Amino acid sequence: MKVAVIVLATLSLAAADGAMASSRLSDVDYLKANRCRGIAAGLGVSDTASLDALLKTEGRTRPELIVERAQDEFARAKREASKGDSKDRLSAELNGPCMALVSGDKDAASAR
């Protein structure tokens, strides 16, 4: 009986750990989210609270290399968005894949 309880407890913990890992953004999605934040900043979008919260939560456990690359992605996207020739494309990206990242729809977010 004790063995069965221990096995069930171990399986429960493993399942919970797997569920937590799947809800976490991959490093690539984290970089995409930083790009989205840069696009929003470059286009002058002021309401980025949900994206900021996502990045703050997800950034806590990232390796330094990924955090530095994310800062580069943010700066690059902000520069790109401040140029006039790509605003329509970047607005579509912000309203499509970027919103999907915030909502947790990883399949739609990978569509770009």
N, C-alpha and C. Protein backbone atom coordinates (compact mmCIF):
# COMPACT_ATOMS: atom_id res chain seq x y z
N MET A 1 0.82 -1.19 0.00
CA MET A 1 0.00 0.00 0.00
C MET A 1 0.86 1.25 0.00
N LYS A 2 1.92 1.25 0.83
CA LYS A 2 2.79 2.42 0.88
C LYS A 2 3.50 2.64 -0.44
N VAL A 3 3.87 1.56 -1.07
CA VAL A 3 4.56 1.66 -2.36
C VAL A 3 3.63 2.30 -3.40
N ALA A 4 2.36 1.91 -3.39
CA ALA A 4 1.40 2.47 -4.33
C ALA A 4 1.22 3.97 -4.10
N VAL A 5 1.18 4.39 -2.86
CA VAL A 5 1.03 5.81 -2.54
C VAL A 5 2.26 6.59 -2.99
N ILE A 6 3.43 6.03 -2.77
CA ILE A 6 4.67 6.69 -3.19
C ILE A 6 4.72 6.80 -4.71
N VAL A 7 4.34 5.74 -5.41
CA VAL A 7 4.33 5.76 -6.87
C VAL A 7 3.34 6.80 -7.39
N LEU A 8 2.15 6.84 -6.81
CA LEU A 8 1.15 7.82 -7.22
C LEU A 8 1.62 9.24 -6.94
N ALA A 9 2.25 9.46 -5.81
CA ALA A 9 2.75 10.79 -5.49
C ALA A 9 3.85 11.20 -6.46
N THR A 10 4.72 10.29 -6.80
CA THR A 10 5.79 10.57 -7.75
C THR A 10 5.23 10.90 -9.12
N LEU A 11 4.26 10.12 -9.57
CA LEU A 11 3.64 10.39 -10.87
C LEU A 11 2.90 11.72 -10.88
N SER A 12 2.26 12.06 -9.79
CA SER A 12 1.57 13.34 -9.70
C SER A 12 2.54 14.50 -9.80
N LEU A 13 3.66 14.38 -9.10
CA LEU A 13 4.68 15.43 -9.16
C LEU A 13 5.27 15.55 -10.56
N ALA A 14 5.51 14.44 -11.20
CA ALA A 14 6.05 14.46 -12.56
C ALA A 14 5.06 15.10 -13.53
N ALA A 15 3.79 14.81 -13.39
CA ALA A 15 2.78 15.40 -14.25
C ALA A 15 2.67 16.90 -14.02
N ALA A 16 2.73 17.31 -12.76
CA ALA A 16 2.66 18.74 -12.44
C ALA A 16 3.88 19.46 -13.00
N ASP A 17 5.04 18.84 -12.90
CA ASP A 17 6.25 19.44 -13.44
C ASP A 17 6.17 19.58 -14.95
N GLY A 18 5.62 18.59 -15.62
CA GLY A 18 5.45 18.65 -17.07
C GLY A 18 4.45 19.72 -17.48
N ALA A 19 3.41 19.91 -16.72
CA ALA A 19 2.42 20.95 -17.02
C ALA A 19 3.03 22.33 -16.85
N MET A 20 3.86 22.50 -15.84
CA MET A 20 4.51 23.80 -15.63
C MET A 20 5.49 24.08 -16.75
N ALA A 21 6.21 23.09 -17.18
CA ALA A 21 7.20 23.29 -18.25
C ALA A 21 6.52 23.65 -19.56
N SER A 22 5.35 23.08 -19.83
CA SER A 22 4.69 23.36 -21.09
C SER A 22 4.08 24.75 -21.12
N SER A 23 3.76 25.33 -19.98
CA SER A 23 3.18 26.67 -19.96
C SER A 23 4.27 27.74 -20.04
N ARG A 24 5.50 27.37 -19.85
CA ARG A 24 6.61 28.31 -19.92
C ARG A 24 6.96 28.55 -21.38
N LEU A 25 7.28 29.78 -21.72
CA LEU A 25 7.68 30.10 -23.08
C LEU A 25 9.05 29.49 -23.38
N SER A 26 9.22 29.05 -24.60
CA SER A 26 10.56 28.62 -25.02
C SER A 26 11.42 29.86 -25.16
N ASP A 27 12.72 29.66 -25.30
CA ASP A 27 13.62 30.80 -25.48
C ASP A 27 13.28 31.56 -26.76
N VAL A 28 12.92 30.83 -27.81
CA VAL A 28 12.55 31.48 -29.08
C VAL A 28 11.30 32.33 -28.91
N ASP A 29 10.29 31.80 -28.21
CA ASP A 29 9.07 32.58 -27.97
C ASP A 29 9.36 33.78 -27.07
N TYR A 30 10.28 33.63 -26.13
CA TYR A 30 10.68 34.76 -25.27
C TYR A 30 11.32 35.86 -26.12
N LEU A 31 12.16 35.47 -27.08
CA LEU A 31 12.77 36.45 -27.97
C LEU A 31 11.71 37.11 -28.84
N LYS A 32 10.74 36.33 -29.31
CA LYS A 32 9.65 36.90 -30.11
C LYS A 32 8.83 37.89 -29.29
N ALA A 33 8.60 37.58 -28.03
CA ALA A 33 7.84 38.48 -27.17
C ALA A 33 8.60 39.79 -26.97
N ASN A 34 9.91 39.74 -26.86
CA ASN A 34 10.70 40.96 -26.75
C ASN A 34 10.64 41.75 -28.05
N ARG A 35 10.62 41.06 -29.17
CA ARG A 35 10.45 41.75 -30.46
C ARG A 35 9.10 42.46 -30.48
N CYS A 36 8.08 41.79 -30.02
CA CYS A 36 6.75 42.40 -29.97
C CYS A 36 6.74 43.65 -29.11
N ARG A 37 7.42 43.59 -27.99
CA ARG A 37 7.51 44.75 -27.11
C ARG A 37 8.23 45.90 -27.81
N GLY A 38 9.28 45.58 -28.57
CA GLY A 38 10.00 46.60 -29.33
C GLY A 38 9.14 47.21 -30.42
N ILE A 39 8.36 46.39 -31.11
CA ILE A 39 7.45 46.89 -32.14
C ILE A 39 6.44 47.84 -31.51
N ALA A 40 5.88 47.43 -30.39
CA ALA A 40 4.89 48.28 -29.70
C ALA A 40 5.51 49.62 -29.29
N ALA A 41 6.73 49.58 -28.77
CA ALA A 41 7.40 50.82 -28.37
C ALA A 41 7.68 51.70 -29.58
N GLY A 42 8.12 51.11 -30.67
CA GLY A 42 8.43 51.87 -31.88
C GLY A 42 7.20 52.46 -32.54
N LEU A 43 6.06 51.78 -32.42
CA LEU A 43 4.82 52.28 -33.01
C LEU A 43 4.07 53.21 -32.07
N GLY A 44 4.56 53.36 -30.86
CA GLY A 44 3.93 54.26 -29.90
C GLY A 44 2.73 53.69 -29.18
N VAL A 45 2.63 52.37 -29.13
CA VAL A 45 1.53 51.72 -28.41
C VAL A 45 1.81 51.85 -26.92
N SER A 46 0.85 52.40 -26.19
CA SER A 46 1.10 52.67 -24.77
C SER A 46 0.62 51.55 -23.85
N ASP A 47 -0.33 50.74 -24.29
CA ASP A 47 -0.88 49.70 -23.42
C ASP A 47 -0.17 48.37 -23.67
N THR A 48 0.94 48.17 -22.98
CA THR A 48 1.70 46.93 -23.13
C THR A 48 1.81 46.20 -21.79
N ALA A 49 0.87 46.44 -20.90
CA ALA A 49 0.95 45.87 -19.55
C ALA A 49 0.99 44.34 -19.57
N SER A 50 0.15 43.71 -20.39
CA SER A 50 0.13 42.24 -20.39
C SER A 50 1.43 41.68 -20.98
N LEU A 51 1.97 42.32 -21.99
CA LEU A 51 3.24 41.89 -22.56
C LEU A 51 4.38 42.12 -21.59
N ASP A 52 4.37 43.26 -20.91
CA ASP A 52 5.40 43.54 -19.91
C ASP A 52 5.36 42.53 -18.77
N ALA A 53 4.16 42.19 -18.33
CA ALA A 53 4.02 41.21 -17.25
C ALA A 53 4.53 39.84 -17.68
N LEU A 54 4.20 39.45 -18.91
CA LEU A 54 4.68 38.17 -19.45
C LEU A 54 6.20 38.14 -19.49
N LEU A 55 6.81 39.20 -19.99
CA LEU A 55 8.27 39.25 -20.10
C LEU A 55 8.94 39.27 -18.73
N LYS A 56 8.34 39.95 -17.79
CA LYS A 56 8.91 40.00 -16.44
C LYS A 56 8.89 38.61 -15.81
N THR A 57 7.77 37.93 -15.93
CA THR A 57 7.64 36.58 -15.37
C THR A 57 8.59 35.60 -16.06
N GLU A 58 8.59 35.64 -17.37
CA GLU A 58 9.39 34.69 -18.15
C GLU A 58 10.89 34.98 -18.08
N GLY A 59 11.26 36.22 -17.86
CA GLY A 59 12.67 36.59 -17.87
C GLY A 59 13.43 36.23 -16.62
N ARG A 60 12.73 35.89 -15.58
CA ARG A 60 13.39 35.62 -14.29
C ARG A 60 14.34 34.43 -14.32
N THR A 61 14.03 33.44 -15.11
CA THR A 61 14.82 32.21 -15.09
C THR A 61 15.63 32.00 -16.38
N ARG A 62 15.72 33.03 -17.20
CA ARG A 62 16.44 32.90 -18.46
C ARG A 62 17.95 33.05 -18.25
N PRO A 63 18.74 32.32 -19.02
CA PRO A 63 20.19 32.50 -18.98
C PRO A 63 20.56 33.91 -19.46
N GLU A 64 21.67 34.42 -19.00
CA GLU A 64 22.10 35.78 -19.33
C GLU A 64 22.21 35.99 -20.85
N LEU A 65 22.68 34.99 -21.55
CA LEU A 65 22.81 35.08 -23.01
C LEU A 65 21.46 35.35 -23.67
N ILE A 66 20.43 34.68 -23.22
CA ILE A 66 19.09 34.86 -23.79
C ILE A 66 18.55 36.24 -23.44
N VAL A 67 18.79 36.70 -22.23
CA VAL A 67 18.33 38.03 -21.82
C VAL A 67 19.01 39.11 -22.67
N GLU A 68 20.31 38.96 -22.91
CA GLU A 68 21.02 39.92 -23.75
C GLU A 68 20.49 39.90 -25.18
N ARG A 69 20.26 38.72 -25.70
CA ARG A 69 19.71 38.61 -27.06
C ARG A 69 18.32 39.21 -27.12
N ALA A 70 17.54 39.06 -26.06
CA ALA A 70 16.20 39.64 -26.01
C ALA A 70 16.27 41.16 -26.04
N GLN A 71 17.23 41.74 -25.35
CA GLN A 71 17.41 43.19 -25.38
C GLN A 71 17.78 43.66 -26.78
N ASP A 72 18.59 42.88 -27.47
CA ASP A 72 18.95 43.19 -28.85
C ASP A 72 17.72 43.14 -29.76
N GLU A 73 16.89 42.11 -29.57
CA GLU A 73 15.67 41.97 -30.37
C GLU A 73 14.74 43.16 -30.13
N PHE A 74 14.61 43.58 -28.88
CA PHE A 74 13.78 44.72 -28.54
C PHE A 74 14.27 45.97 -29.27
N ALA A 75 15.56 46.25 -29.17
CA ALA A 75 16.13 47.45 -29.79
C ALA A 75 16.00 47.41 -31.31
N ARG A 76 16.25 46.25 -31.91
CA ARG A 76 16.15 46.12 -33.36
C ARG A 76 14.71 46.35 -33.83
N ALA A 77 13.75 45.76 -33.13
CA ALA A 77 12.34 45.90 -33.51
C ALA A 77 11.87 47.34 -33.31
N LYS A 78 12.34 47.99 -32.26
CA LYS A 78 11.95 49.38 -32.01
C LYS A 78 12.47 50.28 -33.13
N ARG A 79 13.72 50.06 -33.54
CA ARG A 79 14.29 50.84 -34.66
C ARG A 79 13.50 50.59 -35.94
N GLU A 80 13.20 49.33 -36.20
CA GLU A 80 12.46 48.96 -37.41
C GLU A 80 11.08 49.60 -37.42
N ALA A 81 10.42 49.63 -36.28
CA ALA A 81 9.07 50.19 -36.19
C ALA A 81 9.07 51.71 -36.31
N SER A 82 10.18 52.34 -35.95
CA SER A 82 10.22 53.80 -36.04
C SER A 82 10.39 54.29 -37.48
N LYS A 83 10.79 53.39 -38.39
CA LYS A 83 10.88 53.73 -39.82
C LYS A 83 9.48 53.68 -40.42
N GLY A 84 9.20 54.56 -41.30
CA GLY A 84 7.85 54.68 -41.85
C GLY A 84 7.44 53.63 -42.84
N ASP A 85 8.37 52.95 -43.49
CA ASP A 85 8.02 52.07 -44.60
C ASP A 85 7.47 50.70 -44.21
N SER A 86 7.54 50.32 -42.96
CA SER A 86 7.08 48.97 -42.58
C SER A 86 6.02 48.98 -41.49
N LYS A 87 5.37 50.10 -41.28
CA LYS A 87 4.40 50.20 -40.18
C LYS A 87 3.20 49.28 -40.36
N ASP A 88 2.71 49.14 -41.60
CA ASP A 88 1.55 48.27 -41.82
C ASP A 88 1.88 46.82 -41.49
N ARG A 89 3.01 46.35 -41.97
CA ARG A 89 3.43 44.96 -41.72
C ARG A 89 3.65 44.73 -40.23
N LEU A 90 4.29 45.68 -39.56
CA LEU A 90 4.57 45.52 -38.13
C LEU A 90 3.31 45.64 -37.28
N SER A 91 2.36 46.46 -37.72
CA SER A 91 1.08 46.54 -37.01
C SER A 91 0.35 45.20 -37.11
N ALA A 92 0.41 44.60 -38.29
CA ALA A 92 -0.22 43.28 -38.46
C ALA A 92 0.47 42.24 -37.59
N GLU A 93 1.79 42.30 -37.49
CA GLU A 93 2.53 41.37 -36.63
C GLU A 93 2.15 41.57 -35.16
N LEU A 94 2.03 42.84 -34.77
CA LEU A 94 1.68 43.16 -33.38
C LEU A 94 0.28 42.66 -33.04
N ASN A 95 -0.65 42.80 -33.98
CA ASN A 95 -2.04 42.39 -33.72
C ASN A 95 -2.28 40.91 -33.95
N GLY A 96 -1.36 40.22 -34.60
CA GLY A 96 -1.53 38.79 -34.86
C GLY A 96 -0.68 37.94 -33.94
N PRO A 97 0.53 37.58 -34.39
CA PRO A 97 1.38 36.68 -33.60
C PRO A 97 1.73 37.22 -32.21
N CYS A 98 1.88 38.53 -32.09
CA CYS A 98 2.22 39.09 -30.77
C CYS A 98 1.08 38.91 -29.77
N MET A 99 -0.14 39.15 -30.23
CA MET A 99 -1.28 38.96 -29.34
C MET A 99 -1.45 37.48 -28.99
N ALA A 100 -1.11 36.61 -29.92
CA ALA A 100 -1.19 35.18 -29.65
C ALA A 100 -0.20 34.76 -28.57
N LEU A 101 0.98 35.37 -28.57
CA LEU A 101 1.96 35.06 -27.52
C LEU A 101 1.42 35.46 -26.15
N VAL A 102 0.82 36.64 -26.07
CA VAL A 102 0.30 37.12 -24.80
C VAL A 102 -0.85 36.25 -24.32
N SER A 103 -1.67 35.79 -25.28
CA SER A 103 -2.83 34.98 -24.90
C SER A 103 -2.46 33.53 -24.61
N GLY A 104 -1.22 33.14 -24.98
CA GLY A 104 -0.78 31.77 -24.71
C GLY A 104 -0.99 30.82 -25.86
N ASP A 105 -1.41 31.30 -27.02
CA ASP A 105 -1.62 30.46 -28.19
C ASP A 105 -0.32 30.34 -28.96
N LYS A 106 0.53 29.40 -28.56
CA LYS A 106 1.86 29.26 -29.15
C LYS A 106 1.82 28.86 -30.61
N ASP A 107 0.79 28.12 -31.04
CA ASP A 107 0.69 27.71 -32.44
C ASP A 107 0.45 28.93 -33.34
N ALA A 108 -0.43 29.81 -32.93
CA ALA A 108 -0.71 31.02 -33.73
C ALA A 108 0.48 31.96 -33.67
N ALA A 109 1.19 31.99 -32.57
CA ALA A 109 2.36 32.87 -32.43
C ALA A 109 3.50 32.42 -33.34
N SER A 110 3.58 31.13 -33.64
CA SER A 110 4.66 30.64 -34.50
C SER A 110 4.35 30.85 -35.96
N ALA A 111 3.19 31.35 -36.27
CA ALA A 111 2.79 31.48 -37.66
C ALA A 111 3.56 32.56 -38.40
N ARG A 112 4.26 33.41 -37.72
CA ARG A 112 4.95 34.49 -38.44
C ARG A 112 6.25 34.06 -39.00
